PDB file of N, CA and C in Angstrom:
ATOM      1  N   UNK A   1     -23.654   7.751 -15.756  1.00  0.00           N
ATOM      2  CA  UNK A   1     -23.469   8.599 -14.596  1.00  0.00           C
ATOM      3  C   UNK A   1     -22.468   7.988 -13.623  1.00  0.00           C
ATOM      4  N   UNK A   2     -22.580   6.676 -13.369  1.00  0.00           N
ATOM      5  CA  UNK A   2     -21.651   6.022 -12.445  1.00  0.00           C
ATOM      6  C   UNK A   2     -20.242   5.996 -13.030  1.00  0.00           C
ATOM      7  N   UNK A   3     -20.133   5.876 -14.346  1.00  0.00           N
ATOM      8  CA  UNK A   3     -18.837   5.879 -15.000  1.00  0.00           C
ATOM      9  C   UNK A   3     -18.104   7.197 -14.810  1.00  0.00           C
ATOM     10  N   UNK A   4     -18.831   8.288 -14.885  1.00  0.00           N
ATOM     11  CA  UNK A   4     -18.224   9.604 -14.697  1.00  0.00           C
ATOM     12  C   UNK A   4     -17.727   9.773 -13.256  1.00  0.00           C
ATOM     13  N   UNK A   5     -18.481   9.236 -12.298  1.00  0.00           N
ATOM     14  CA  UNK A   5     -18.059   9.306 -10.897  1.00  0.00           C
ATOM     15  C   UNK A   5     -16.765   8.527 -10.695  1.00  0.00           C
ATOM     16  N   UNK A   6     -16.663   7.356 -11.349  1.00  0.00           N
ATOM     17  CA  UNK A   6     -15.444   6.561 -11.242  1.00  0.00           C
ATOM     18  C   UNK A   6     -14.255   7.286 -11.849  1.00  0.00           C
ATOM     19  N   UNK A   7     -14.466   7.927 -12.991  1.00  0.00           N
ATOM     20  CA  UNK A   7     -13.385   8.681 -13.630  1.00  0.00           C
ATOM     21  C   UNK A   7     -12.938   9.827 -12.740  1.00  0.00           C
ATOM     22  N   UNK A   8     -13.880  10.544 -12.157  1.00  0.00           N
ATOM     23  CA  UNK A   8     -13.542  11.645 -11.250  1.00  0.00           C
ATOM     24  C   UNK A   8     -12.774  11.141 -10.028  1.00  0.00           C
ATOM     25  N   UNK A   9     -13.217  10.013  -9.481  1.00  0.00           N
ATOM     26  CA  UNK A   9     -12.577   9.434  -8.299  1.00  0.00           C
ATOM     27  C   UNK A   9     -11.141   9.013  -8.618  1.00  0.00           C
ATOM     28  N   UNK A  10     -10.943   8.372  -9.769  1.00  0.00           N
ATOM     29  CA  UNK A  10      -9.605   7.926 -10.141  1.00  0.00           C
ATOM     30  C   UNK A  10      -8.689   9.094 -10.500  1.00  0.00           C
ATOM     31  N   UNK A  11      -9.250  10.132 -11.111  1.00  0.00           N
ATOM     32  CA  UNK A  11      -8.460  11.320 -11.426  1.00  0.00           C
ATOM     33  C   UNK A  11      -7.980  12.003 -10.153  1.00  0.00           C
ATOM     34  N   UNK A  12      -8.861  12.120  -9.181  1.00  0.00           N
ATOM     35  CA  UNK A  12      -8.484  12.702  -7.892  1.00  0.00           C
ATOM     36  C   UNK A  12      -7.429  11.846  -7.194  1.00  0.00           C
ATOM     37  N   UNK A  13      -7.614  10.531  -7.217  1.00  0.00           N
ATOM     38  CA  UNK A  13      -6.640   9.634  -6.595  1.00  0.00           C
ATOM     39  C   UNK A  13      -5.284   9.754  -7.280  1.00  0.00           C
ATOM     40  N   UNK A  14      -5.284   9.867  -8.598  1.00  0.00           N
ATOM     41  CA  UNK A  14      -4.026  10.005  -9.336  1.00  0.00           C
ATOM     42  C   UNK A  14      -3.303  11.287  -8.930  1.00  0.00           C
ATOM     43  N   UNK A  15      -4.028  12.370  -8.843  1.00  0.00           N
ATOM     44  CA  UNK A  15      -3.418  13.645  -8.428  1.00  0.00           C
ATOM     45  C   UNK A  15      -2.810  13.547  -7.035  1.00  0.00           C
ATOM     46  N   UNK A  16      -3.548  12.938  -6.108  1.00  0.00           N
ATOM     47  CA  UNK A  16      -3.064  12.817  -4.736  1.00  0.00           C
ATOM     48  C   UNK A  16      -1.827  11.926  -4.653  1.00  0.00           C
ATOM     49  N   UNK A  17      -1.831  10.829  -5.403  1.00  0.00           N
ATOM     50  CA  UNK A  17      -0.691   9.924  -5.376  1.00  0.00           C
ATOM     51  C   UNK A  17       0.528  10.555  -6.041  1.00  0.00           C
ATOM     52  N   UNK A  18       0.312  11.262  -7.134  1.00  0.00           N
ATOM     53  CA  UNK A  18       1.428  11.903  -7.824  1.00  0.00           C
ATOM     54  C   UNK A  18       2.037  13.021  -6.983  1.00  0.00           C
ATOM     55  N   UNK A  19       1.234  13.658  -6.150  1.00  0.00           N
ATOM     56  CA  UNK A  19       1.743  14.692  -5.258  1.00  0.00           C
ATOM     57  C   UNK A  19       2.747  14.104  -4.266  1.00  0.00           C
ATOM     58  N   UNK A  20       2.523  12.857  -3.869  1.00  0.00           N
ATOM     59  CA  UNK A  20       3.446  12.207  -2.935  1.00  0.00           C
ATOM     60  C   UNK A  20       4.776  11.872  -3.595  1.00  0.00           C
ATOM     61  N   UNK A  21       4.790  11.767  -4.921  1.00  0.00           N
ATOM     62  CA  UNK A  21       6.005  11.397  -5.638  1.00  0.00           C
ATOM     63  C   UNK A  21       6.827  12.610  -6.072  1.00  0.00           C
ATOM     64  N   UNK A  22       6.332  13.822  -5.856  1.00  0.00           N
ATOM     65  CA  UNK A  22       7.023  15.023  -6.327  1.00  0.00           C
ATOM     66  C   UNK A  22       8.408  15.217  -5.725  1.00  0.00           C
ATOM     67  N   UNK A  23       8.554  14.991  -4.448  1.00  0.00           N
ATOM     68  CA  UNK A  23       9.817  15.274  -3.756  1.00  0.00           C
ATOM     69  C   UNK A  23      10.765  14.080  -3.724  1.00  0.00           C
ATOM     70  N   UNK A  24      10.470  13.055  -4.485  1.00  0.00           N
ATOM     71  CA  UNK A  24      11.304  11.853  -4.479  1.00  0.00           C
ATOM     72  C   UNK A  24      12.417  11.962  -5.516  1.00  0.00           C
ATOM     73  N   UNK A  25      13.393  11.106  -5.381  1.00  0.00           N
ATOM     74  CA  UNK A  25      14.498  11.067  -6.333  1.00  0.00           C
ATOM     75  C   UNK A  25      13.990  10.636  -7.709  1.00  0.00           C
ATOM     76  N   UNK A  26      14.743  10.982  -8.727  1.00  0.00           N
ATOM     77  CA  UNK A  26      14.336  10.626 -10.094  1.00  0.00           C
ATOM     78  C   UNK A  26      14.405   9.121 -10.323  1.00  0.00           C
ATOM     79  N   UNK A  27      15.157   8.407  -9.491  1.00  0.00           N
ATOM     80  CA  UNK A  27      15.267   6.953  -9.635  1.00  0.00           C
ATOM     81  C   UNK A  27      14.266   6.195  -8.767  1.00  0.00           C
ATOM     82  N   UNK A  28      13.378   6.903  -8.118  1.00  0.00           N
ATOM     83  CA  UNK A  28      12.394   6.277  -7.232  1.00  0.00           C
ATOM     84  C   UNK A  28      11.457   5.377  -8.022  1.00  0.00           C
ATOM     85  N   UNK A  29      11.037   4.293  -7.400  1.00  0.00           N
ATOM     86  CA  UNK A  29      10.081   3.361  -8.007  1.00  0.00           C
ATOM     87  C   UNK A  29       8.642   3.754  -7.725  1.00  0.00           C
ATOM     88  N   UNK A  30       8.453   4.838  -7.015  1.00  0.00           N
ATOM     89  CA  UNK A  30       7.103   5.277  -6.647  1.00  0.00           C
ATOM     90  C   UNK A  30       6.208   5.525  -7.869  1.00  0.00           C
ATOM     91  N   UNK A  31       6.668   6.189  -8.927  1.00  0.00           N
ATOM     92  CA  UNK A  31       5.803   6.385 -10.100  1.00  0.00           C
ATOM     93  C   UNK A  31       5.349   5.070 -10.750  1.00  0.00           C
ATOM     94  N   UNK A  32       6.217   4.059 -10.725  1.00  0.00           N
ATOM     95  CA  UNK A  32       5.838   2.751 -11.279  1.00  0.00           C
ATOM     96  C   UNK A  32       4.723   2.143 -10.437  1.00  0.00           C
ATOM     97  N   UNK A  33       4.843   2.247  -9.123  1.00  0.00           N
ATOM     98  CA  UNK A  33       3.814   1.715  -8.221  1.00  0.00           C
ATOM     99  C   UNK A  33       2.493   2.457  -8.416  1.00  0.00           C
ATOM    100  N   UNK A  34       2.552   3.758  -8.604  1.00  0.00           N
ATOM    101  CA  UNK A  34       1.338   4.556  -8.818  1.00  0.00           C
ATOM    102  C   UNK A  34       0.657   4.139 -10.108  1.00  0.00           C
ATOM    103  N   UNK A  35       1.417   3.991 -11.180  1.00  0.00           N
ATOM    104  CA  UNK A  35       0.839   3.574 -12.462  1.00  0.00           C
ATOM    105  C   UNK A  35       0.176   2.207 -12.348  1.00  0.00           C
ATOM    106  N   UNK A  36       0.815   1.288 -11.633  1.00  0.00           N
ATOM    107  CA  UNK A  36       0.241  -0.042 -11.459  1.00  0.00           C
ATOM    108  C   UNK A  36      -1.051   0.020 -10.649  1.00  0.00           C
ATOM    109  N   UNK A  37      -1.054   0.803  -9.583  1.00  0.00           N
ATOM    110  CA  UNK A  37      -2.258   0.937  -8.755  1.00  0.00           C
ATOM    111  C   UNK A  37      -3.428   1.511  -9.543  1.00  0.00           C
ATOM    112  N   UNK A  38      -3.137   2.440 -10.437  1.00  0.00           N
ATOM    113  CA  UNK A  38      -4.207   3.065 -11.214  1.00  0.00           C
ATOM    114  C   UNK A  38      -4.671   2.190 -12.382  1.00  0.00           C
ATOM    115  N   UNK A  39      -3.842   1.248 -12.801  1.00  0.00           N
ATOM    116  CA  UNK A  39      -4.207   0.424 -13.945  1.00  0.00           C
ATOM    117  C   UNK A  39      -4.929  -0.866 -13.564  1.00  0.00           C
ATOM    118  N   UNK A  40      -4.896  -1.230 -12.295  1.00  0.00           N
ATOM    119  CA  UNK A  40      -5.519  -2.468 -11.834  1.00  0.00           C
ATOM    120  C   UNK A  40      -6.454  -2.169 -10.657  1.00  0.00           C
ATOM    121  N   UNK A  41      -7.526  -2.917 -10.544  1.00  0.00           N
ATOM    122  CA  UNK A  41      -8.432  -2.675  -9.406  1.00  0.00           C
ATOM    123  C   UNK A  41      -7.842  -3.116  -8.073  1.00  0.00           C
ATOM    124  N   UNK A  42      -6.935  -4.086  -8.113  1.00  0.00           N
ATOM    125  CA  UNK A  42      -6.339  -4.604  -6.890  1.00  0.00           C
ATOM    126  C   UNK A  42      -4.916  -5.068  -7.222  1.00  0.00           C
ATOM    127  N   UNK A  43      -3.959  -4.779  -6.345  1.00  0.00           N
ATOM    128  CA  UNK A  43      -2.572  -5.185  -6.575  1.00  0.00           C
ATOM    129  C   UNK A  43      -1.998  -5.815  -5.320  1.00  0.00           C
ATOM    130  N   UNK A  44      -1.034  -6.697  -5.519  1.00  0.00           N
ATOM    131  CA  UNK A  44      -0.328  -7.315  -4.409  1.00  0.00           C
ATOM    132  C   UNK A  44       1.085  -6.749  -4.356  1.00  0.00           C
ATOM    133  N   UNK A  45       1.769  -7.002  -3.261  1.00  0.00           N
ATOM    134  CA  UNK A  45       3.146  -6.544  -3.135  1.00  0.00           C
ATOM    135  C   UNK A  45       4.021  -7.222  -4.187  1.00  0.00           C
ATOM    136  N   UNK A  46       3.723  -8.462  -4.497  1.00  0.00           N
ATOM    137  CA  UNK A  46       4.477  -9.180  -5.514  1.00  0.00           C
ATOM    138  C   UNK A  46       4.321  -8.518  -6.888  1.00  0.00           C
ATOM    139  N   UNK A  47       3.122  -8.084  -7.206  1.00  0.00           N
ATOM    140  CA  UNK A  47       2.882  -7.408  -8.482  1.00  0.00           C
ATOM    141  C   UNK A  47       3.674  -6.109  -8.565  1.00  0.00           C
ATOM    142  N   UNK A  48       3.680  -5.344  -7.480  1.00  0.00           N
ATOM    143  CA  UNK A  48       4.424  -4.083  -7.448  1.00  0.00           C
ATOM    144  C   UNK A  48       5.914  -4.367  -7.558  1.00  0.00           C
ATOM    145  N   UNK A  49       6.395  -5.374  -6.828  1.00  0.00           N
ATOM    146  CA  UNK A  49       7.817  -5.713  -6.851  1.00  0.00           C
ATOM    147  C   UNK A  49       8.261  -6.128  -8.248  1.00  0.00           C
ATOM    148  N   UNK A  50       7.465  -6.936  -8.897  1.00  0.00           N
ATOM    149  CA  UNK A  50       7.801  -7.408 -10.241  1.00  0.00           C
ATOM    150  C   UNK A  50       7.779  -6.262 -11.247  1.00  0.00           C
ATOM    151  N   UNK A  51       6.780  -5.408 -11.161  1.00  0.00           N
ATOM    152  CA  UNK A  51       6.643  -4.286 -12.084  1.00  0.00           C
ATOM    153  C   UNK A  51       7.754  -3.260 -11.911  1.00  0.00           C
ATOM    154  N   UNK A  52       8.121  -2.969 -10.657  1.00  0.00           N
ATOM    155  CA  UNK A  52       9.127  -1.953 -10.366  1.00  0.00           C
ATOM    156  C   UNK A  52      10.542  -2.525 -10.290  1.00  0.00           C
ATOM    157  N   UNK A  53      10.655  -3.854 -10.395  1.00  0.00           N
ATOM    158  CA  UNK A  53      11.951  -4.537 -10.298  1.00  0.00           C
ATOM    159  C   UNK A  53      12.653  -4.230  -8.974  1.00  0.00           C
ATOM    160  N   UNK A  54      11.890  -4.416  -7.898  1.00  0.00           N
ATOM    161  CA  UNK A  54      12.410  -4.229  -6.551  1.00  0.00           C
ATOM    162  C   UNK A  54      12.054  -5.455  -5.725  1.00  0.00           C
ATOM    163  N   UNK A  55      12.514  -5.495  -4.493  1.00  0.00           N
ATOM    164  CA  UNK A  55      12.204  -6.623  -3.619  1.00  0.00           C
ATOM    165  C   UNK A  55      10.770  -6.499  -3.099  1.00  0.00           C
ATOM    166  N   UNK A  56      10.181  -7.619  -2.676  1.00  0.00           N
ATOM    167  CA  UNK A  56       8.835  -7.547  -2.081  1.00  0.00           C
ATOM    168  C   UNK A  56       8.788  -6.638  -0.846  1.00  0.00           C
ATOM    169  N   UNK A  57       9.864  -6.615  -0.060  1.00  0.00           N
ATOM    170  CA  UNK A  57       9.895  -5.722   1.113  1.00  0.00           C
ATOM    171  C   UNK A  57       9.899  -4.267   0.665  1.00  0.00           C
ATOM    172  N   UNK A  58      10.638  -3.964  -0.391  1.00  0.00           N
ATOM    173  CA  UNK A  58      10.644  -2.614  -0.945  1.00  0.00           C
ATOM    174  C   UNK A  58       9.270  -2.227  -1.471  1.00  0.00           C
ATOM    175  N   UNK A  59       8.574  -3.199  -2.071  1.00  0.00           N
ATOM    176  CA  UNK A  59       7.224  -2.939  -2.563  1.00  0.00           C
ATOM    177  C   UNK A  59       6.276  -2.629  -1.406  1.00  0.00           C
ATOM    178  N   UNK A  60       6.414  -3.356  -0.316  1.00  0.00           N
ATOM    179  CA  UNK A  60       5.573  -3.079   0.860  1.00  0.00           C
ATOM    180  C   UNK A  60       5.856  -1.681   1.402  1.00  0.00           C
ATOM    181  N   UNK A  61       7.116  -1.270   1.376  1.00  0.00           N
ATOM    182  CA  UNK A  61       7.462   0.078   1.828  1.00  0.00           C
ATOM    183  C   UNK A  61       6.827   1.136   0.925  1.00  0.00           C
ATOM    184  N   UNK A  62       6.861   0.911  -0.387  1.00  0.00           N
ATOM    185  CA  UNK A  62       6.234   1.858  -1.318  1.00  0.00           C
ATOM    186  C   UNK A  62       4.730   1.948  -1.081  1.00  0.00           C
ATOM    187  N   UNK A  63       4.099   0.803  -0.909  1.00  0.00           N
ATOM    188  CA  UNK A  63       2.657   0.767  -0.686  1.00  0.00           C
ATOM    189  C   UNK A  63       2.311   1.512   0.603  1.00  0.00           C
ATOM    190  N   UNK A  64       3.120   1.289   1.636  1.00  0.00           N
ATOM    191  CA  UNK A  64       2.904   1.993   2.901  1.00  0.00           C
ATOM    192  C   UNK A  64       3.073   3.492   2.751  1.00  0.00           C
ATOM    193  N   UNK A  65       4.031   3.888   1.941  1.00  0.00           N
ATOM    194  CA  UNK A  65       4.288   5.308   1.709  1.00  0.00           C
ATOM    195  C   UNK A  65       3.130   5.969   0.963  1.00  0.00           C
ATOM    196  N   UNK A  66       2.505   5.222   0.066  1.00  0.00           N
ATOM    197  CA  UNK A  66       1.383   5.768  -0.697  1.00  0.00           C
ATOM    198  C   UNK A  66       0.109   5.852   0.138  1.00  0.00           C
ATOM    199  N   UNK A  67      -0.001   4.992   1.123  1.00  0.00           N
ATOM    200  CA  UNK A  67      -1.173   5.049   1.994  1.00  0.00           C
ATOM    201  C   UNK A  67      -2.452   4.573   1.340  1.00  0.00           C
ATOM    202  N   UNK A  68      -2.354   3.614   0.425  1.00  0.00           N
ATOM    203  CA  UNK A  68      -3.561   3.083  -0.203  1.00  0.00           C
ATOM    204  C   UNK A  68      -4.227   2.078   0.720  1.00  0.00           C
ATOM    205  N   UNK A  69      -5.461   1.780   0.460  1.00  0.00           N
ATOM    206  CA  UNK A  69      -6.258   0.932   1.348  1.00  0.00           C
ATOM    207  C   UNK A  69      -5.978  -0.550   1.128  1.00  0.00           C
ATOM    208  N   UNK A  70      -5.766  -1.247   2.233  1.00  0.00           N
ATOM    209  CA  UNK A  70      -5.593  -2.695   2.187  1.00  0.00           C
ATOM    210  C   UNK A  70      -6.986  -3.306   2.122  1.00  0.00           C
ATOM    211  N   UNK A  71      -7.212  -4.203   1.162  1.00  0.00           N
ATOM    212  CA  UNK A  71      -8.566  -4.675   0.888  1.00  0.00           C
ATOM    213  C   UNK A  71      -8.890  -6.058   1.434  1.00  0.00           C
ATOM    214  N   UNK A  72      -7.898  -6.851   1.784  1.00  0.00           N
ATOM    215  CA  UNK A  72      -8.181  -8.233   2.155  1.00  0.00           C
ATOM    216  C   UNK A  72      -8.419  -8.447   3.640  1.00  0.00           C
ATOM    217  N   UNK A  73      -7.839  -7.593   4.499  1.00  0.00           N
ATOM    218  CA  UNK A  73      -8.003  -7.778   5.934  1.00  0.00           C
ATOM    219  C   UNK A  73      -7.195  -8.946   6.473  1.00  0.00           C
ATOM    220  N   UNK A  74      -6.163  -9.329   5.770  1.00  0.00           N
ATOM    221  CA  UNK A  74      -5.349 -10.478   6.160  1.00  0.00           C
ATOM    222  C   UNK A  74      -3.950 -10.022   6.550  1.00  0.00           C
ATOM    223  N   UNK A  75      -3.224 -10.914   7.172  1.00  0.00           N
ATOM    224  CA  UNK A  75      -1.830 -10.647   7.498  1.00  0.00           C
ATOM    225  C   UNK A  75      -0.913 -11.089   6.374  1.00  0.00           C
ATOM    226  N   UNK A  76      -1.302 -12.150   5.693  1.00  0.00           N
ATOM    227  CA  UNK A  76      -0.538 -12.665   4.560  1.00  0.00           C
ATOM    228  C   UNK A  76      -1.383 -12.534   3.301  1.00  0.00           C
ATOM    229  N   UNK A  77      -0.704 -12.565   2.171  1.00  0.00           N
ATOM    230  CA  UNK A  77      -1.389 -12.505   0.877  1.00  0.00           C
ATOM    231  C   UNK A  77      -2.322 -11.301   0.794  1.00  0.00           C
ATOM    232  N   UNK A  78      -1.827 -10.164   1.246  1.00  0.00           N
ATOM    233  CA  UNK A  78      -2.632  -8.952   1.244  1.00  0.00           C
ATOM    234  C   UNK A  78      -2.679  -8.340  -0.140  1.00  0.00           C
ATOM    235  N   UNK A  79      -3.682  -7.520  -0.362  1.00  0.00           N
ATOM    236  CA  UNK A  79      -3.829  -6.817  -1.637  1.00  0.00           C
ATOM    237  C   UNK A  79      -4.347  -5.406  -1.330  1.00  0.00           C
ATOM    238  N   UNK A  80      -3.971  -4.470  -2.183  1.00  0.00           N
ATOM    239  CA  UNK A  80      -4.331  -3.071  -1.991  1.00  0.00           C
ATOM    240  C   UNK A  80      -5.017  -2.541  -3.226  1.00  0.00           C
ATOM    241  N   UNK A  81      -5.783  -1.476  -3.039  1.00  0.00           N
ATOM    242  CA  UNK A  81      -6.454  -0.847  -4.167  1.00  0.00           C
ATOM    243  C   UNK A  81      -6.914   0.552  -3.807  1.00  0.00           C
ATOM    244  N   UNK A  82      -7.413   1.222  -4.816  1.00  0.00           N
ATOM    245  CA  UNK A  82      -7.962   2.564  -4.649  1.00  0.00           C
ATOM    246  C   UNK A  82      -9.471   2.439  -4.664  1.00  0.00           C
ATOM    247  N   UNK A  83     -10.092   2.841  -3.587  1.00  0.00           N
ATOM    248  CA  UNK A  83     -11.554   2.741  -3.499  1.00  0.00           C
ATOM    249  C   UNK A  83     -12.160   4.115  -3.660  1.00  0.00           C
TER     250      UNK A  83
END
């Protein structure tokens, strides 16, 4: 039962995140960031930057654009995830 709730929650999150990527350029790194967020329970800006082949600052901008929840409560070494 809990597994089905998690699947429903992640499916809804995927739809919402993909909706944000609809109006972006075809060369946008946003879809790469979305795939990474959905494949891992927690991601850092460094992970997004490495996966999307962009700068860490660009990764922070993508994360901010997606509006995912910051999980660490820190100023440095932050991590984000879908709850």
